[in-house]
Amino acid sequence: MQGAFAQGMLFVLGLATAATAFILVVFAANSLLSPRDPSPSKNSPFECGMEQAGEPWTAPRLRFSTIAALFVLFDAEAVLLFAVTTGIRAAALVEVAAFLGFLTLGLAYAWRKGALEWE
């Protein structure tokens, strides 16, 4: 029993050592064989083989993330409502109605603030 365990552990240790050695050999070969000839054209941002269309580091538009967050929120809530309707009772009906009321208020607020308009 002890011999089989030791043999298994040595096998796993050998695999880990071989994987680590392979990774180190690949990194060493890359550093030795890769060309080092920096130029302005190589250091410029690449965009589909064309000249750069604009500034590479611009702030993302938050409009998309707002709409995506609202979609995920209402999508998850719809899934939860389908799960609740399978075992609905009188008390659960009041809770679901209150829940839908809060969702409706949230949607109305987002609509009124203009969060759903795309320009």
Protein backbone atom coordinates (compact mmCIF):
# COMPACT_ATOMS: atom_id res chain seq x y z
CA MET A 1 0.00 0.00 0.00
CA GLN A 2 2.76 2.44 0.93
CA GLY A 3 4.71 1.63 -2.24
CA ALA A 4 1.72 2.36 -4.50
CA PHE A 5 1.12 5.71 -2.81
CA ALA A 6 4.78 6.70 -3.11
CA GLN A 7 4.84 5.61 -6.73
CA GLY A 8 1.72 7.71 -7.48
CA MET A 9 3.18 10.73 -5.73
CA LEU A 10 6.44 10.40 -7.66
CA PHE A 11 4.46 10.17 -10.91
CA VAL A 12 2.53 13.39 -10.12
CA LEU A 13 5.73 15.13 -9.03
CA GLY A 14 7.44 14.03 -12.26
CA LEU A 15 4.56 15.39 -14.35
CA ALA A 16 4.67 18.74 -12.54
CA THR A 17 8.44 18.94 -12.96
CA ALA A 18 8.22 18.09 -16.68
CA ALA A 19 5.50 20.70 -17.25
CA THR A 20 7.50 23.38 -15.42
CA ALA A 21 10.68 22.47 -17.32
CA PHE A 22 8.83 22.61 -20.66
CA ILE A 23 7.46 26.07 -19.89
CA LEU A 24 10.90 27.32 -18.87
CA VAL A 25 12.46 25.91 -22.06
CA VAL A 26 9.81 27.61 -24.21
CA PHE A 27 10.34 30.97 -22.48
CA ALA A 28 14.12 30.65 -22.81
CA ALA A 29 13.86 29.78 -26.50
CA ASN A 30 11.55 32.73 -27.06
CA SER A 31 13.92 35.17 -25.39
CA LEU A 32 16.91 33.81 -27.33
CA LEU A 33 15.33 33.46 -30.78
CA SER A 34 12.91 36.38 -30.99
CA PRO A 35 14.08 39.38 -33.04
CA ARG A 36 14.58 42.69 -31.27
CA ASP A 37 14.24 45.49 -33.78
CA PRO A 38 11.87 48.13 -32.40
CA SER A 39 10.76 50.84 -34.76
CA PRO A 40 8.04 53.52 -34.64
CA SER A 41 5.81 51.50 -36.96
CA LYS A 42 6.14 48.38 -34.79
CA ASN A 43 5.44 50.31 -31.61
CA SER A 44 2.31 52.03 -32.96
CA PRO A 45 -1.15 50.61 -32.20
CA PHE A 46 -2.37 48.21 -34.87
CA GLU A 47 -5.94 48.44 -36.12
CA CYS A 48 -6.82 45.98 -38.89
CA GLY A 49 -3.96 47.03 -41.15
CA MET A 50 -5.25 50.60 -41.47
CA GLU A 51 -4.16 53.85 -39.98
CA GLN A 52 -5.37 54.47 -36.47
CA ALA A 53 -8.91 55.87 -36.48
CA GLY A 54 -8.68 57.80 -33.24
CA GLU A 55 -7.11 58.05 -29.83
CA PRO A 56 -6.38 54.52 -28.54
CA TRP A 57 -7.15 55.27 -24.88
CA THR A 58 -10.58 56.86 -24.78
CA ALA A 59 -13.09 56.53 -21.99
CA PRO A 60 -15.82 54.00 -22.77
CA ARG A 61 -19.38 55.22 -23.11
CA LEU A 62 -21.35 54.47 -19.99
CA ARG A 63 -24.65 54.39 -21.88
CA PHE A 64 -24.06 50.82 -23.03
CA SER A 65 -23.18 49.56 -19.56
CA THR A 66 -26.31 51.18 -18.09
CA ILE A 67 -28.57 49.50 -20.62
CA ALA A 68 -26.73 46.19 -20.19
CA ALA A 69 -27.14 46.36 -16.40
CA LEU A 70 -30.85 47.12 -16.75
CA PHE A 71 -31.25 44.20 -19.17
CA VAL A 72 -29.51 41.76 -16.83
CA LEU A 73 -31.54 43.02 -13.87
CA PHE A 74 -34.91 42.66 -15.57
CA ASP A 75 -33.94 39.39 -17.26
CA ALA A 76 -32.94 37.83 -13.92
CA GLU A 77 -36.10 39.12 -12.28
CA ALA A 78 -38.25 37.61 -15.04
CA VAL A 79 -36.59 34.23 -14.50
CA LEU A 80 -37.25 34.48 -10.76
CA LEU A 81 -40.88 35.32 -11.41
CA PHE A 82 -41.30 32.22 -13.56
CA ALA A 83 -39.85 30.12 -10.74
CA VAL A 84 -42.27 31.65 -8.19
CA THR A 85 -45.39 31.15 -10.30
CA THR A 86 -45.14 27.36 -10.13
CA GLY A 87 -46.04 27.28 -6.44
CA ILE A 88 -48.01 30.47 -5.98
CA ARG A 89 -50.33 30.87 -2.98
CA ALA A 90 -52.34 33.81 -1.63
CA ALA A 91 -49.46 35.25 0.43
CA ALA A 92 -47.03 34.74 -2.43
CA LEU A 93 -49.39 36.56 -4.77
CA VAL A 94 -49.14 39.70 -2.63
CA GLU A 95 -45.35 39.41 -2.52
CA VAL A 96 -45.10 38.92 -6.29
CA ALA A 97 -47.40 41.91 -6.87
CA ALA A 98 -45.23 44.07 -4.61
CA PHE A 99 -42.12 42.82 -6.40
CA LEU A 100 -43.59 43.64 -9.80
CA GLY A 101 -44.58 47.06 -8.47
CA PHE A 102 -41.00 47.79 -7.45
CA LEU A 103 -39.75 46.61 -10.86
CA THR A 104 -42.28 48.84 -12.59
CA LEU A 105 -41.21 51.83 -10.49
CA GLY A 106 -37.56 51.14 -11.34
CA LEU A 107 -38.34 50.89 -15.04
CA ALA A 108 -40.39 54.09 -14.94
CA TYR A 109 -37.54 55.89 -13.13
CA ALA A 110 -34.95 54.70 -15.68
CA TRP A 111 -37.27 55.68 -18.53
CA ARG A 112 -37.91 59.13 -17.07
CA LYS A 113 -34.18 59.76 -16.53
CA GLY A 114 -33.53 58.87 -20.18
CA ALA A 115 -31.39 55.83 -19.42
CA LEU A 116 -33.14 53.82 -22.14
CA GLU A 117 -32.58 56.30 -24.98
CA TRP A 118 -29.76 55.57 -27.38
CA GLU A 119 -28.17 58.44 -29.27
